[in-house]
Amino acid sequence: MDFESKIISREISQLLWEQEKTVGTAESCTGGRIAEAIIAVPGSSKYYKGGVVSYTDEIKEKLLDVDAQLIEEKSAVCEEVAIQMVKGAVKTLNTDYAIAATGYAGPTAGPKDIPVGTIWLACGSAERTKTLKIEEDYGRDINLAIATNKAMQMFLDFLNEEFAESSSKEE
């Protein structure tokens, strides 16, 4: 794991620890890399409950409640599936938040002319999610490293927004 990921993981750790919140992951193309980045910080068992590596549509549907018709119509690599993965992970893992990734890291692309390097990331809670689409192809390993780093940064930004809002409501 690179230095930037470690810094982001520590910042996420501190926020979740202080707020006594929990997170889980729902990963397809990243295959557990986001979970690995989260647990790199000692003490992560206090806020990281676990993850679902949903590499197939069947697992997305059965464990994360992703709508099969949505996958059939749009493929598993779309914003809506990433959002449903977050909400499904929050429910299945009983967490406050979740981070999800679904995409085509390479070397081959998927159906519906979705090119290699297309990865949808999402994070959030049952009520609110944030998404990001990655579209560049730098080869499988780099695509997955970029997706992991961007997912972690997006989640950190989400938490900063979330906790800034809650502290301003308390004032």
C-alpha atoms as a PDB file:
ATOM      1  CA  MET A   1       0.000   0.000   0.000  1.00  0.00           C
ATOM      2  CA  ASP A   2       1.311   3.427  -0.871  1.00  0.00           C
ATOM      3  CA  PHE A   3       2.048   6.228   1.558  1.00  0.00           C
ATOM      4  CA  GLU A   4      -0.964   8.314   0.483  1.00  0.00           C
ATOM      5  CA  SER A   5      -3.353   5.437   1.229  1.00  0.00           C
ATOM      6  CA  LYS A   6      -1.861   4.995   4.688  1.00  0.00           C
ATOM      7  CA  ILE A   7      -2.372   8.669   5.498  1.00  0.00           C
ATOM      8  CA  ILE A   8      -5.978   8.576   4.257  1.00  0.00           C
ATOM      9  CA  SER A   9      -6.621   5.366   6.240  1.00  0.00           C
ATOM     10  CA  ARG A  10      -5.347   6.996   9.410  1.00  0.00           C
ATOM     11  CA  GLU A  11      -7.571  10.039   8.885  1.00  0.00           C
ATOM     12  CA  ILE A  12     -10.610   7.810   8.292  1.00  0.00           C
ATOM     13  CA  SER A  13      -9.671   5.809  11.388  1.00  0.00           C
ATOM     14  CA  GLN A  14      -9.521   8.893  13.551  1.00  0.00           C
ATOM     15  CA  LEU A  15     -12.912  10.195  12.363  1.00  0.00           C
ATOM     16  CA  LEU A  16     -14.708   6.871  12.772  1.00  0.00           C
ATOM     17  CA  TRP A  17     -13.053   6.253  16.131  1.00  0.00           C
ATOM     18  CA  GLU A  18     -14.026   9.693  17.484  1.00  0.00           C
ATOM     19  CA  GLN A  19     -17.603   9.494  16.197  1.00  0.00           C
ATOM     20  CA  GLU A  20     -18.018   5.835  17.222  1.00  0.00           C
ATOM     21  CA  LYS A  21     -19.266   4.910  13.745  1.00  0.00           C
ATOM     22  CA  THR A  22     -18.751   1.738  11.719  1.00  0.00           C
ATOM     23  CA  VAL A  23     -17.988   0.964   8.085  1.00  0.00           C
ATOM     24  CA  GLY A  24     -18.089  -2.045   5.802  1.00  0.00           C
ATOM     25  CA  THR A  25     -17.129  -2.670   2.198  1.00  0.00           C
ATOM     26  CA  ALA A  26     -18.832  -4.092  -0.887  1.00  0.00           C
ATOM     27  CA  GLU A  27     -16.188  -4.729  -3.519  1.00  0.00           C
ATOM     28  CA  SER A  28     -16.346  -6.238  -6.950  1.00  0.00           C
ATOM     29  CA  CYS A  29     -13.404  -5.333  -9.183  1.00  0.00           C
ATOM     30  CA  THR A  30     -11.200  -4.220  -6.272  1.00  0.00           C
ATOM     31  CA  GLY A  31     -11.538  -7.669  -4.687  1.00  0.00           C
ATOM     32  CA  GLY A  32     -10.836  -6.620  -1.090  1.00  0.00           C
ATOM     33  CA  ARG A  33      -8.239  -3.916  -1.669  1.00  0.00           C
ATOM     34  CA  ILE A  34     -10.392  -1.232  -0.035  1.00  0.00           C
ATOM     35  CA  ALA A  35     -10.859  -3.477   3.003  1.00  0.00           C
ATOM     36  CA  GLU A  36      -7.108  -4.030   3.082  1.00  0.00           C
ATOM     37  CA  ALA A  37      -6.510  -0.257   3.070  1.00  0.00           C
ATOM     38  CA  ILE A  38      -8.946   0.226   5.958  1.00  0.00           C
ATOM     39  CA  ILE A  39      -7.521  -2.539   8.152  1.00  0.00           C
ATOM     40  CA  ALA A  40      -3.940  -1.352   7.647  1.00  0.00           C
ATOM     41  CA  VAL A  41      -4.471   0.892  10.668  1.00  0.00           C
ATOM     42  CA  PRO A  42      -4.097  -0.770  14.077  1.00  0.00           C
ATOM     43  CA  GLY A  43      -7.373  -0.733  16.008  1.00  0.00           C
ATOM     44  CA  SER A  44      -9.524  -0.881  12.883  1.00  0.00           C
ATOM     45  CA  SER A  45     -11.588  -3.694  14.396  1.00  0.00           C
ATOM     46  CA  LYS A  46     -13.329  -1.012  16.462  1.00  0.00           C
ATOM     47  CA  TYR A  47     -14.968   0.490  13.352  1.00  0.00           C
ATOM     48  CA  TYR A  48     -14.505  -1.939  10.420  1.00  0.00           C
ATOM     49  CA  LYS A  49     -17.059  -4.760  10.596  1.00  0.00           C
ATOM     50  CA  GLY A  50     -16.272  -6.627   7.390  1.00  0.00           C
ATOM     51  CA  GLY A  51     -16.894  -6.778   3.702  1.00  0.00           C
ATOM     52  CA  VAL A  52     -18.512  -8.597   0.837  1.00  0.00           C
ATOM     53  CA  VAL A  53     -16.407  -9.349  -2.216  1.00  0.00           C
ATOM     54  CA  SER A  54     -19.209  -9.601  -4.753  1.00  0.00           C
ATOM     55  CA  TYR A  55     -17.284 -10.528  -7.857  1.00  0.00           C
ATOM     56  CA  THR A  56     -20.365 -11.987  -9.572  1.00  0.00           C
ATOM     57  CA  ASP A  57     -23.823 -10.580 -10.210  1.00  0.00           C
ATOM     58  CA  GLU A  58     -25.316 -13.469  -8.223  1.00  0.00           C
ATOM     59  CA  ILE A  59     -23.524 -12.348  -5.045  1.00  0.00           C
ATOM     60  CA  LYS A  60     -24.419  -8.696  -5.628  1.00  0.00           C
ATOM     61  CA  GLU A  61     -28.064  -9.725  -5.869  1.00  0.00           C
ATOM     62  CA  LYS A  62     -28.173 -12.283  -3.022  1.00  0.00           C
ATOM     63  CA  LEU A  63     -25.970 -10.626  -0.402  1.00  0.00           C
ATOM     64  CA  LEU A  64     -26.274  -6.938  -1.252  1.00  0.00           C
ATOM     65  CA  ASP A  65     -29.865  -6.761  -2.557  1.00  0.00           C
ATOM     66  CA  VAL A  66     -28.796  -5.291  -5.902  1.00  0.00           C
ATOM     67  CA  ASP A  67     -31.727  -5.380  -8.309  1.00  0.00           C
ATOM     68  CA  ALA A  68     -31.261  -8.120 -10.935  1.00  0.00           C
ATOM     69  CA  GLN A  69     -33.327  -6.193 -13.486  1.00  0.00           C
ATOM     70  CA  LEU A  70     -31.064  -3.159 -13.059  1.00  0.00           C
ATOM     71  CA  ILE A  71     -28.010  -5.314 -13.746  1.00  0.00           C
ATOM     72  CA  GLU A  72     -29.717  -6.832 -16.785  1.00  0.00           C
ATOM     73  CA  GLU A  73     -30.655  -3.410 -18.179  1.00  0.00           C
ATOM     74  CA  LYS A  74     -27.520  -1.417 -17.379  1.00  0.00           C
ATOM     75  CA  SER A  75     -24.888  -4.041 -16.434  1.00  0.00           C
ATOM     76  CA  ALA A  76     -23.241  -4.335 -13.026  1.00  0.00           C
ATOM     77  CA  VAL A  77     -20.975  -1.400 -13.868  1.00  0.00           C
ATOM     78  CA  CYS A  78     -23.164   1.649 -13.390  1.00  0.00           C
ATOM     79  CA  GLU A  79     -23.767   4.304 -10.789  1.00  0.00           C
ATOM     80  CA  GLU A  80     -27.063   2.814  -9.617  1.00  0.00           C
ATOM     81  CA  VAL A  81     -25.492  -0.587  -8.881  1.00  0.00           C
ATOM     82  CA  ALA A  82     -22.676   1.058  -6.906  1.00  0.00           C
ATOM     83  CA  ILE A  83     -25.267   2.938  -4.826  1.00  0.00           C
ATOM     84  CA  GLN A  84     -27.287  -0.240  -4.225  1.00  0.00           C
ATOM     85  CA  MET A  85     -24.080  -2.012  -3.182  1.00  0.00           C
ATOM     86  CA  VAL A  86     -23.477   0.664  -0.518  1.00  0.00           C
ATOM     87  CA  LYS A  87     -27.020   0.432   0.809  1.00  0.00           C
ATOM     88  CA  GLY A  88     -26.941  -3.362   0.706  1.00  0.00           C
ATOM     89  CA  ALA A  89     -23.648  -3.494   2.576  1.00  0.00           C
ATOM     90  CA  VAL A  90     -24.914  -1.104   5.262  1.00  0.00           C
ATOM     91  CA  LYS A  91     -27.912  -3.396   5.761  1.00  0.00           C
ATOM     92  CA  THR A  92     -26.135  -6.760   5.466  1.00  0.00           C
ATOM     93  CA  LEU A  93     -23.152  -5.777   7.612  1.00  0.00           C
ATOM     94  CA  ASN A  94     -25.177  -3.600  10.022  1.00  0.00           C
ATOM     95  CA  THR A  95     -22.843  -0.617   9.672  1.00  0.00           C
ATOM     96  CA  ASP A  96     -23.293   3.136   9.640  1.00  0.00           C
ATOM     97  CA  TYR A  97     -21.405   3.487   6.349  1.00  0.00           C
ATOM     98  CA  ALA A  98     -20.114   1.454   3.427  1.00  0.00           C
ATOM     99  CA  ILE A  99     -17.750   1.848   0.492  1.00  0.00           C
ATOM    100  CA  ALA A 100     -18.424   0.077  -2.819  1.00  0.00           C
ATOM    101  CA  ALA A 101     -16.592  -0.498  -6.093  1.00  0.00           C
ATOM    102  CA  THR A 102     -17.793  -2.099  -9.324  1.00  0.00           C
ATOM    103  CA  GLY A 103     -16.035  -1.953 -12.663  1.00  0.00           C
ATOM    104  CA  TYR A 104     -13.913  -3.419 -15.405  1.00  0.00           C
ATOM    105  CA  ALA A 105     -10.277  -3.213 -14.349  1.00  0.00           C
ATOM    106  CA  GLY A 106      -9.037  -5.160 -17.351  1.00  0.00           C
ATOM    107  CA  PRO A 107      -7.660  -6.645 -19.396  1.00  0.00           C
ATOM    108  CA  THR A 108     -11.098  -7.160 -20.980  1.00  0.00           C
ATOM    109  CA  ALA A 109     -14.195  -5.005 -20.931  1.00  0.00           C
ATOM    110  CA  GLY A 110     -17.738  -6.011 -20.229  1.00  0.00           C
ATOM    111  CA  PRO A 111     -21.036  -5.870 -22.055  1.00  0.00           C
ATOM    112  CA  LYS A 112     -22.794  -2.813 -23.417  1.00  0.00           C
ATOM    113  CA  ASP A 113     -19.590  -1.307 -24.772  1.00  0.00           C
ATOM    114  CA  ILE A 114     -18.317  -0.272 -21.341  1.00  0.00           C
ATOM    115  CA  PRO A 115     -14.552   0.156 -21.818  1.00  0.00           C
ATOM    116  CA  VAL A 116     -11.781  -1.234 -19.659  1.00  0.00           C
ATOM    117  CA  GLY A 117     -10.931   1.192 -16.872  1.00  0.00           C
ATOM    118  CA  THR A 118     -14.566   2.104 -16.186  1.00  0.00           C
ATOM    119  CA  ILE A 119     -15.071   1.802 -12.446  1.00  0.00           C
ATOM    120  CA  TRP A 120     -17.923   3.192 -10.371  1.00  0.00           C
ATOM    121  CA  LEU A 121     -17.193   3.980  -6.729  1.00  0.00           C
ATOM    122  CA  ALA A 122     -19.759   4.837  -4.087  1.00  0.00           C
ATOM    123  CA  CYS A 123     -19.757   5.472  -0.371  1.00  0.00           C
ATOM    124  CA  GLY A 124     -22.219   6.609   2.203  1.00  0.00           C
ATOM    125  CA  SER A 125     -25.011   5.534   4.476  1.00  0.00           C
ATOM    126  CA  ALA A 126     -28.512   4.166   3.988  1.00  0.00           C
ATOM    127  CA  GLU A 127     -29.740   7.754   3.585  1.00  0.00           C
ATOM    128  CA  ARG A 128     -26.994   9.484   1.610  1.00  0.00           C
ATOM    129  CA  THR A 129     -24.434   8.357  -0.931  1.00  0.00           C
ATOM    130  CA  LYS A 130     -21.667   9.892  -2.978  1.00  0.00           C
ATOM    131  CA  THR A 131     -20.393   8.456  -6.265  1.00  0.00           C
ATOM    132  CA  LEU A 132     -17.421   8.791  -8.576  1.00  0.00           C
ATOM    133  CA  LYS A 133     -16.779   7.364 -12.029  1.00  0.00           C
ATOM    134  CA  ILE A 134     -13.265   6.482 -13.165  1.00  0.00           C
ATOM    135  CA  GLU A 135     -12.759   6.104 -16.905  1.00  0.00           C
ATOM    136  CA  GLU A 136      -9.037   5.903 -17.627  1.00  0.00           C
ATOM    137  CA  ASP A 137      -7.252   2.628 -18.416  1.00  0.00           C
ATOM    138  CA  TYR A 138      -3.669   2.321 -17.180  1.00  0.00           C
ATOM    139  CA  GLY A 139      -3.635  -1.468 -17.005  1.00  0.00           C
ATOM    140  CA  ARG A 140      -5.268  -3.705 -14.428  1.00  0.00           C
ATOM    141  CA  ASP A 141      -2.897  -3.220 -11.480  1.00  0.00           C
ATOM    142  CA  ILE A 142      -2.771   0.566 -11.764  1.00  0.00           C
ATOM    143  CA  ASN A 143      -6.540   0.785 -12.398  1.00  0.00           C
ATOM    144  CA  LEU A 144      -7.170  -1.105  -9.161  1.00  0.00           C
ATOM    145  CA  ALA A 145      -4.677   0.992  -7.187  1.00  0.00           C
ATOM    146  CA  ILE A 146      -6.271   4.201  -8.483  1.00  0.00           C
ATOM    147  CA  ALA A 147      -9.772   2.926  -7.681  1.00  0.00           C
ATOM    148  CA  THR A 148      -8.747   1.988  -4.139  1.00  0.00           C
ATOM    149  CA  ASN A 149      -7.098   5.357  -3.467  1.00  0.00           C
ATOM    150  CA  LYS A 150      -9.990   7.317  -4.962  1.00  0.00           C
ATOM    151  CA  ALA A 151     -12.535   5.287  -2.977  1.00  0.00           C
ATOM    152  CA  MET A 152     -10.669   5.976   0.253  1.00  0.00           C
ATOM    153  CA  GLN A 153     -10.315   9.702  -0.529  1.00  0.00           C
ATOM    154  CA  MET A 154     -13.998   9.948  -1.479  1.00  0.00           C
ATOM    155  CA  PHE A 155     -14.989   8.270   1.793  1.00  0.00           C
ATOM    156  CA  LEU A 156     -12.744  10.598   3.791  1.00  0.00           C
ATOM    157  CA  ASP A 157     -14.335  13.603   2.065  1.00  0.00           C
ATOM    158  CA  PHE A 158     -17.797  12.146   2.736  1.00  0.00           C
ATOM    159  CA  LEU A 159     -17.008  11.703   6.450  1.00  0.00           C
ATOM    160  CA  ASN A 160     -15.605  15.231   6.725  1.00  0.00           C
ATOM    161  CA  GLU A 161     -18.820  16.606   5.187  1.00  0.00           C
ATOM    162  CA  GLU A 162     -21.007  14.349   7.324  1.00  0.00           C
ATOM    163  CA  PHE A 163     -19.342  15.229  10.614  1.00  0.00           C
ATOM    164  CA  ALA A 164     -19.073  18.946   9.746  1.00  0.00           C
ATOM    165  CA  GLU A 165     -22.844  18.982   9.160  1.00  0.00           C
ATOM    166  CA  SER A 166     -23.603  17.162  12.411  1.00  0.00           C
ATOM    167  CA  SER A 167     -21.336  19.453  14.447  1.00  0.00           C
ATOM    168  CA  SER A 168     -22.899  22.590  12.917  1.00  0.00           C
ATOM    169  CA  LYS A 169     -26.383  21.259  13.812  1.00  0.00           C
ATOM    170  CA  GLU A 170     -25.291  20.818  17.425  1.00  0.00           C
ATOM    171  CA  GLU A 171     -24.135  24.438  17.753  1.00  0.00           C
END
